[in-house]
Amino acid sequence: MAAHNELGKWGEQVAARYLAQKGYRLLARNWKDGHRDLDIVAADGPTLVVVEVKTRRNNVFNEPEEAVDWRKVRSLSLAAGKYVKIHGIDADIRFDIVAVTGTDDDNCRVNHIENAFLPAGY
């Protein structure tokens, strides 16, 4: 597996562990709908939370969360809509970003941005 894929996989592990420690109930990881995917789907009390995880070795060029552009928001919105429909979910939905900067568990920074964006179409 390519180094950037390994880094992303590690970042998703860090994010999942972080959210679980904060009391979120993890419902799905790497949920796929064709070429679209949701990194983490969780419950924060009664709210369904779709979490996009962005991982970078460092923030020399930009913060990881800055990589979530309008195309990604649209893709996440469509995938989340499909997830909700398939699972028959009737709950408020929130879109968060968890940005992980670093390369190992002992030297990383986690930035959790709640309500990071509204779904496409709003």
N, C-alpha and C. Protein backbone atom coordinates (compact mmCIF):
# COMPACT_ATOMS: atom_id res chain seq x y z
N MET A 1 0.85 -1.18 0.00
CA MET A 1 0.00 0.00 0.00
C MET A 1 0.89 1.24 0.00
N ALA A 2 0.50 2.25 -0.77
CA ALA A 2 1.28 3.49 -0.86
C ALA A 2 1.34 4.19 0.49
N ALA A 3 2.42 4.94 0.70
CA ALA A 3 2.64 5.62 1.98
C ALA A 3 1.49 6.56 2.33
N HIS A 4 0.96 7.29 1.32
CA HIS A 4 -0.13 8.22 1.63
C HIS A 4 -1.39 7.47 2.04
N ASN A 5 -1.61 6.27 1.49
CA ASN A 5 -2.76 5.46 1.91
C ASN A 5 -2.60 4.97 3.34
N GLU A 6 -1.38 4.58 3.70
CA GLU A 6 -1.10 4.15 5.07
C GLU A 6 -1.32 5.30 6.05
N LEU A 7 -0.88 6.50 5.67
CA LEU A 7 -1.06 7.67 6.53
C LEU A 7 -2.55 7.95 6.71
N GLY A 8 -3.31 7.88 5.63
CA GLY A 8 -4.75 8.11 5.73
C GLY A 8 -5.45 7.08 6.60
N LYS A 9 -5.06 5.83 6.46
CA LYS A 9 -5.64 4.76 7.27
C LYS A 9 -5.34 4.99 8.75
N TRP A 10 -4.10 5.36 9.04
CA TRP A 10 -3.71 5.68 10.42
C TRP A 10 -4.52 6.87 10.94
N GLY A 11 -4.68 7.91 10.13
CA GLY A 11 -5.44 9.08 10.55
C GLY A 11 -6.88 8.75 10.87
N GLU A 12 -7.48 7.85 10.09
CA GLU A 12 -8.85 7.43 10.37
C GLU A 12 -8.93 6.65 11.68
N GLN A 13 -7.91 5.86 11.98
CA GLN A 13 -7.85 5.14 13.27
C GLN A 13 -7.80 6.14 14.42
N VAL A 14 -6.94 7.15 14.27
CA VAL A 14 -6.80 8.19 15.31
C VAL A 14 -8.14 8.89 15.50
N ALA A 15 -8.79 9.26 14.40
CA ALA A 15 -10.06 9.98 14.48
C ALA A 15 -11.14 9.12 15.14
N ALA A 16 -11.21 7.84 14.76
CA ALA A 16 -12.22 6.95 15.35
C ALA A 16 -12.01 6.80 16.85
N ARG A 17 -10.77 6.63 17.25
CA ARG A 17 -10.44 6.50 18.67
C ARG A 17 -10.80 7.79 19.42
N TYR A 18 -10.48 8.93 18.82
CA TYR A 18 -10.78 10.23 19.42
C TYR A 18 -12.29 10.40 19.62
N LEU A 19 -13.07 10.09 18.58
CA LEU A 19 -14.52 10.24 18.68
C LEU A 19 -15.12 9.29 19.71
N ALA A 20 -14.64 8.06 19.75
CA ALA A 20 -15.13 7.09 20.73
C ALA A 20 -14.85 7.58 22.15
N GLN A 21 -13.66 8.15 22.35
CA GLN A 21 -13.31 8.67 23.68
C GLN A 21 -14.19 9.85 24.08
N LYS A 22 -14.70 10.58 23.08
CA LYS A 22 -15.59 11.71 23.35
C LYS A 22 -17.04 11.26 23.52
N GLY A 23 -17.30 9.95 23.43
CA GLY A 23 -18.63 9.43 23.66
C GLY A 23 -19.47 9.22 22.41
N TYR A 24 -18.90 9.41 21.25
CA TYR A 24 -19.64 9.14 20.02
C TYR A 24 -19.78 7.63 19.85
N ARG A 25 -20.90 7.21 19.28
CA ARG A 25 -21.12 5.80 18.97
C ARG A 25 -20.82 5.62 17.49
N LEU A 26 -19.79 4.85 17.18
CA LEU A 26 -19.40 4.66 15.79
C LEU A 26 -20.35 3.67 15.12
N LEU A 27 -20.93 4.07 14.00
CA LEU A 27 -21.90 3.25 13.28
C LEU A 27 -21.30 2.60 12.04
N ALA A 28 -20.39 3.30 11.38
CA ALA A 28 -19.78 2.77 10.16
C ALA A 28 -18.45 3.46 9.91
N ARG A 29 -17.56 2.69 9.29
CA ARG A 29 -16.27 3.26 8.85
C ARG A 29 -16.06 2.85 7.41
N ASN A 30 -15.57 3.81 6.62
CA ASN A 30 -15.31 3.57 5.20
C ASN A 30 -16.52 3.01 4.47
N TRP A 31 -17.68 3.61 4.72
CA TRP A 31 -18.91 3.18 4.07
C TRP A 31 -18.86 3.65 2.62
N LYS A 32 -19.17 2.76 1.69
CA LYS A 32 -19.04 3.08 0.27
C LYS A 32 -20.38 3.04 -0.44
N ASP A 33 -20.53 3.96 -1.38
CA ASP A 33 -21.65 4.00 -2.30
C ASP A 33 -21.06 4.28 -3.67
N GLY A 34 -20.74 3.22 -4.39
CA GLY A 34 -20.07 3.38 -5.68
C GLY A 34 -18.69 3.98 -5.47
N HIS A 35 -18.42 5.10 -6.11
CA HIS A 35 -17.11 5.74 -5.94
C HIS A 35 -17.09 6.75 -4.80
N ARG A 36 -18.22 6.93 -4.16
CA ARG A 36 -18.28 7.85 -3.01
C ARG A 36 -18.10 7.06 -1.72
N ASP A 37 -17.55 7.73 -0.70
CA ASP A 37 -17.41 7.04 0.58
C ASP A 37 -17.55 8.02 1.74
N LEU A 38 -17.92 7.46 2.87
CA LEU A 38 -18.00 8.21 4.13
C LEU A 38 -16.95 7.61 5.05
N ASP A 39 -16.03 8.45 5.53
CA ASP A 39 -14.95 7.94 6.39
C ASP A 39 -15.50 7.34 7.68
N ILE A 40 -16.30 8.14 8.38
CA ILE A 40 -16.89 7.69 9.65
C ILE A 40 -18.33 8.19 9.73
N VAL A 41 -19.21 7.31 10.12
CA VAL A 41 -20.58 7.70 10.44
C VAL A 41 -20.76 7.35 11.92
N ALA A 42 -21.22 8.33 12.69
CA ALA A 42 -21.33 8.13 14.14
C ALA A 42 -22.61 8.77 14.66
N ALA A 43 -22.93 8.45 15.89
CA ALA A 43 -24.06 9.08 16.57
C ALA A 43 -23.51 9.89 17.74
N ASP A 44 -23.94 11.14 17.81
CA ASP A 44 -23.63 12.01 18.93
C ASP A 44 -24.97 12.29 19.59
N GLY A 45 -25.32 11.44 20.55
CA GLY A 45 -26.67 11.50 21.11
C GLY A 45 -27.65 11.15 20.01
N PRO A 46 -28.68 12.00 19.80
CA PRO A 46 -29.67 11.70 18.77
C PRO A 46 -29.26 12.14 17.36
N THR A 47 -28.11 12.77 17.24
CA THR A 47 -27.67 13.33 15.96
C THR A 47 -26.78 12.37 15.20
N LEU A 48 -27.08 12.18 13.91
CA LEU A 48 -26.21 11.41 13.04
C LEU A 48 -25.09 12.34 12.59
N VAL A 49 -23.85 11.88 12.72
CA VAL A 49 -22.70 12.71 12.37
C VAL A 49 -21.90 12.01 11.27
N VAL A 50 -21.76 12.70 10.15
CA VAL A 50 -20.92 12.24 9.05
C VAL A 50 -19.58 12.95 9.22
N VAL A 51 -18.52 12.15 9.36
CA VAL A 51 -17.21 12.71 9.66
C VAL A 51 -16.26 12.47 8.50
N GLU A 52 -15.72 13.55 7.96
CA GLU A 52 -14.67 13.47 6.95
C GLU A 52 -13.34 13.61 7.68
N VAL A 53 -12.46 12.65 7.47
CA VAL A 53 -11.15 12.66 8.12
C VAL A 53 -10.12 13.10 7.10
N LYS A 54 -9.31 14.08 7.46
CA LYS A 54 -8.22 14.54 6.61
C LYS A 54 -6.93 14.44 7.42
N THR A 55 -5.95 13.78 6.84
CA THR A 55 -4.68 13.54 7.54
C THR A 55 -3.53 14.10 6.71
N ARG A 56 -2.62 14.79 7.38
CA ARG A 56 -1.41 15.30 6.74
C ARG A 56 -0.23 15.07 7.68
N ARG A 57 0.94 14.88 7.11
CA ARG A 57 2.16 14.73 7.92
C ARG A 57 2.47 16.00 8.69
N ASN A 58 2.24 17.14 8.04
CA ASN A 58 2.47 18.44 8.67
C ASN A 58 1.55 19.45 8.00
N ASN A 59 1.61 20.66 8.50
CA ASN A 59 0.74 21.69 7.93
C ASN A 59 1.56 22.78 7.24
N VAL A 60 2.68 22.39 6.66
CA VAL A 60 3.56 23.34 5.98
C VAL A 60 2.82 24.08 4.87
N PHE A 61 2.06 23.35 4.06
CA PHE A 61 1.39 23.98 2.91
C PHE A 61 -0.01 24.46 3.25
N ASN A 62 -0.75 23.70 4.04
CA ASN A 62 -2.07 24.12 4.48
C ASN A 62 -2.55 23.17 5.57
N GLU A 63 -3.62 23.57 6.23
CA GLU A 63 -4.22 22.71 7.25
C GLU A 63 -4.99 21.60 6.54
N PRO A 64 -5.04 20.41 7.12
CA PRO A 64 -5.73 19.29 6.46
C PRO A 64 -7.17 19.60 6.09
N GLU A 65 -7.88 20.29 6.96
CA GLU A 65 -9.30 20.55 6.72
C GLU A 65 -9.55 21.44 5.50
N GLU A 66 -8.52 22.16 5.07
CA GLU A 66 -8.67 23.03 3.89
C GLU A 66 -8.82 22.22 2.60
N ALA A 67 -8.58 20.92 2.67
CA ALA A 67 -8.72 20.05 1.50
C ALA A 67 -10.18 19.68 1.21
N VAL A 68 -11.09 20.06 2.09
CA VAL A 68 -12.52 19.76 1.87
C VAL A 68 -13.11 20.92 1.06
N ASP A 69 -13.19 20.71 -0.24
CA ASP A 69 -13.70 21.75 -1.13
C ASP A 69 -15.16 21.46 -1.50
N TRP A 70 -15.72 22.27 -2.37
CA TRP A 70 -17.14 22.13 -2.72
C TRP A 70 -17.43 20.80 -3.38
N ARG A 71 -16.47 20.26 -4.13
CA ARG A 71 -16.69 18.95 -4.76
C ARG A 71 -16.82 17.86 -3.70
N LYS A 72 -15.95 17.94 -2.68
CA LYS A 72 -15.99 16.94 -1.61
C LYS A 72 -17.29 17.09 -0.81
N VAL A 73 -17.70 18.31 -0.55
CA VAL A 73 -18.96 18.56 0.18
C VAL A 73 -20.12 17.95 -0.60
N ARG A 74 -20.14 18.13 -1.91
CA ARG A 74 -21.21 17.57 -2.74
C ARG A 74 -21.18 16.05 -2.67
N SER A 75 -20.02 15.46 -2.80
CA SER A 75 -19.89 14.01 -2.76
C SER A 75 -20.33 13.45 -1.40
N LEU A 76 -19.91 14.09 -0.33
CA LEU A 76 -20.30 13.66 1.02
C LEU A 76 -21.81 13.79 1.22
N SER A 77 -22.38 14.86 0.70
CA SER A 77 -23.82 15.09 0.83
C SER A 77 -24.62 13.99 0.13
N LEU A 78 -24.19 13.64 -1.08
CA LEU A 78 -24.89 12.59 -1.82
C LEU A 78 -24.74 11.24 -1.13
N ALA A 79 -23.54 10.92 -0.68
CA ALA A 79 -23.32 9.65 0.01
C ALA A 79 -24.10 9.58 1.31
N ALA A 80 -24.12 10.68 2.05
CA ALA A 80 -24.87 10.71 3.32
C ALA A 80 -26.36 10.52 3.06
N GLY A 81 -26.87 11.14 2.01
CA GLY A 81 -28.28 10.96 1.66
C GLY A 81 -28.61 9.51 1.37
N LYS A 82 -27.72 8.84 0.67
CA LYS A 82 -27.91 7.42 0.35
C LYS A 82 -27.84 6.58 1.63
N TYR A 83 -26.89 6.89 2.52
CA TYR A 83 -26.75 6.14 3.78
C TYR A 83 -28.04 6.25 4.60
N VAL A 84 -28.54 7.48 4.71
CA VAL A 84 -29.76 7.72 5.48
C VAL A 84 -30.94 6.96 4.88
N LYS A 85 -31.05 6.98 3.56
CA LYS A 85 -32.15 6.30 2.89
C LYS A 85 -32.07 4.78 3.08
N ILE A 86 -30.90 4.22 2.86
CA ILE A 86 -30.71 2.77 2.98
C ILE A 86 -31.01 2.28 4.40
N HIS A 87 -30.58 3.07 5.39
CA HIS A 87 -30.73 2.65 6.78
C HIS A 87 -32.00 3.17 7.45
N GLY A 88 -32.82 3.90 6.68
CA GLY A 88 -34.10 4.39 7.21
C GLY A 88 -33.92 5.30 8.41
N ILE A 89 -32.95 6.16 8.36
CA ILE A 89 -32.65 7.05 9.49
C ILE A 89 -33.48 8.31 9.42
N ASP A 90 -34.08 8.64 10.55
CA ASP A 90 -34.85 9.87 10.69
C ASP A 90 -34.26 10.63 11.87
N ALA A 91 -33.22 11.38 11.60
CA ALA A 91 -32.52 12.11 12.67
C ALA A 91 -31.88 13.36 12.07
N ASP A 92 -31.55 14.30 12.93
CA ASP A 92 -30.77 15.45 12.49
C ASP A 92 -29.41 14.94 12.05
N ILE A 93 -28.85 15.57 11.02
CA ILE A 93 -27.55 15.17 10.50
C ILE A 93 -26.60 16.35 10.58
N ARG A 94 -25.39 16.04 10.98
CA ARG A 94 -24.33 17.05 11.10
C ARG A 94 -23.12 16.56 10.34
N PHE A 95 -22.40 17.48 9.72
CA PHE A 95 -21.18 17.15 9.00
C PHE A 95 -19.99 17.75 9.73
N ASP A 96 -19.09 16.88 10.18
CA ASP A 96 -17.89 17.30 10.90
C ASP A 96 -16.65 16.96 10.09
N ILE A 97 -15.56 17.62 10.42
CA ILE A 97 -14.25 17.26 9.89
C ILE A 97 -13.35 16.97 11.08
N VAL A 98 -12.60 15.88 11.01
CA VAL A 98 -11.54 15.62 11.98
C VAL A 98 -10.24 15.68 11.20
N ALA A 99 -9.42 16.68 11.52
CA ALA A 99 -8.13 16.87 10.86
C ALA A 99 -7.05 16.32 11.78
N VAL A 100 -6.24 15.43 11.24
CA VAL A 100 -5.15 14.81 12.00
C VAL A 100 -3.84 15.24 11.34
N THR A 101 -2.96 15.84 12.15
CA THR A 101 -1.66 16.26 11.65
C THR A 101 -0.59 15.54 12.43
N GLY A 102 0.30 14.83 11.72
CA GLY A 102 1.38 14.10 12.36
C GLY A 102 1.61 12.78 11.67
N THR A 103 2.47 11.96 12.29
CA THR A 103 2.79 10.67 11.68
C THR A 103 2.75 9.51 12.66
N ASP A 104 2.55 9.79 13.94
CA ASP A 104 2.44 8.68 14.90
C ASP A 104 1.58 9.10 16.08
N ASP A 105 1.11 8.11 16.84
CA ASP A 105 0.17 8.36 17.93
C ASP A 105 0.71 9.31 18.99
N ASP A 106 2.03 9.32 19.19
CA ASP A 106 2.60 10.14 20.26
C ASP A 106 2.82 11.59 19.84
N ASN A 107 2.85 11.84 18.55
CA ASN A 107 3.16 13.19 18.07
C ASN A 107 2.17 13.64 17.01
N CYS A 108 0.90 13.65 17.38
CA CYS A 108 -0.09 14.11 16.41
C CYS A 108 -1.03 15.11 17.07
N ARG A 109 -1.67 15.89 16.21
CA ARG A 109 -2.64 16.88 16.67
C ARG A 109 -3.97 16.57 16.00
N VAL A 110 -5.03 16.58 16.80
CA VAL A 110 -6.38 16.32 16.29
C VAL A 110 -7.19 17.60 16.42
N ASN A 111 -7.78 18.02 15.32
CA ASN A 111 -8.64 19.19 15.31
C ASN A 111 -10.03 18.75 14.85
N HIS A 112 -10.97 18.73 15.78
CA HIS A 112 -12.34 18.31 15.48
C HIS A 112 -13.18 19.55 15.22
N ILE A 113 -13.69 19.66 14.02
CA ILE A 113 -14.51 20.81 13.63
C ILE A 113 -15.95 20.33 13.49
N GLU A 114 -16.77 20.65 14.48
CA GLU A 114 -18.18 20.27 14.43
C GLU A 114 -18.93 21.24 13.52
N ASN A 115 -19.96 20.71 12.84
CA ASN A 115 -20.74 21.55 11.91
C ASN A 115 -19.83 22.26 10.93
N ALA A 116 -18.89 21.53 10.36
CA ALA A 116 -17.88 22.11 9.48
C ALA A 116 -18.50 22.72 8.22
N PHE A 117 -19.58 22.13 7.74
CA PHE A 117 -20.23 22.66 6.54
C PHE A 117 -21.66 22.15 6.47
N LEU A 118 -22.45 22.82 5.66
CA LEU A 118 -23.81 22.38 5.38
C LEU A 118 -23.76 21.49 4.15
N PRO A 119 -24.68 20.54 4.05
CA PRO A 119 -24.69 19.70 2.85
C PRO A 119 -24.94 20.52 1.59
N ALA A 120 -24.47 20.01 0.47
CA ALA A 120 -24.67 20.69 -0.81
C ALA A 120 -26.17 20.91 -1.04
N GLY A 121 -26.51 22.06 -1.57
CA GLY A 121 -27.91 22.36 -1.85
C GLY A 121 -28.55 23.26 -0.81
N TYR A 122 -27.84 23.55 0.27
CA TYR A 122 -28.40 24.44 1.29
C TYR A 122 -27.89 25.84 1.12
